[in-house]
C-alpha cells in the first residue's frame, strides 16, 4: 500500500465489535465485487442521496463508481496515475458525470483543497488507512460528516510473524478517531482464517504476495511456519464508521 494508492447525532456511541465473518450481504444490499460487505452496508445506512463523497486511495475507482449512482457527487483520489486513468475510463463508459478522479497523494493533499473540486460531507477509504487520513478528514468534514474506512487489522497475515506497518488494532483506531474529533459509531474486526490441506495449497494461495513478502522478510517466516506444520492464512480487516463532532 502506498500513500493515496489501492453519525447527525454528535453524542459518542459505544463502538460495536464483532469477530469473524459470519453473515451475508443482506437482501437488496449485496456489495459490489471486491468490496467488504459489512463496510458496504455501513455506507448504505447513510442517506447517500445528497452526499458529496471523497474516496481516498480509490485505485481504479471500485468504491467510488459503486457510490456514484447513489450520491450527489464523488471524487476519487489516488497517487497511482495509471489507476486513476482506468477509473476515468470506467466512469465515462458508465456515463457517470458526477464522478471525478484526481491524481493526488492522499497523505499530503488537503481534502478540502479547491483543486479537488469538492467540499466533502463523507470521506471513504477501502483498504487505505493512515493517520493523515483521519486528520485530513477531520479538517475537511463539517459537523455530522462521516468518515468510513476498511483497513488492515493487526492480525492480517499473522502467520508471517510480522505485523504490517499499515495495520492497526481496535484500540489505536478508537483512540485516533476520538483524538481527531470523531464520535465512533461502528468499529469491528472482520477476520477470515483459511486452512489448507497441504503446503502446496498454502503456497499457491499467496503466490501473488511472494515478491512483496520477500522484500520485507515475511516470506521466509511464512515458509518456516509451513515447515512447522502450519496450514492457515489469516485475512483480517478493521472496519469503522465515525461522525465528526459538531
Foldseek 3Di string as FASTA:
>chain_A
DAFQAQFLDQDFDDADADDADDDALDPPQHDDPPADSVLSVVVVVDQAAAFEEEETNCFLNPPVVVSLVRHQAYEYEGQDPVSQVNNVVVCVVVVRPRYYYDNDRQLPDQPQDVVRVDQGLEYEHEQADDLSNLQSCLVRHDFFRKYKYKHFAQCAQCQLVDGDPRHYHQVVVVVSNVVSQWRWHYKYKHKDKDFDPAPVVQCVVCVVCQVVCVVVVSNVSNVVSVVVPGGMGMGMMIITMIGHHD
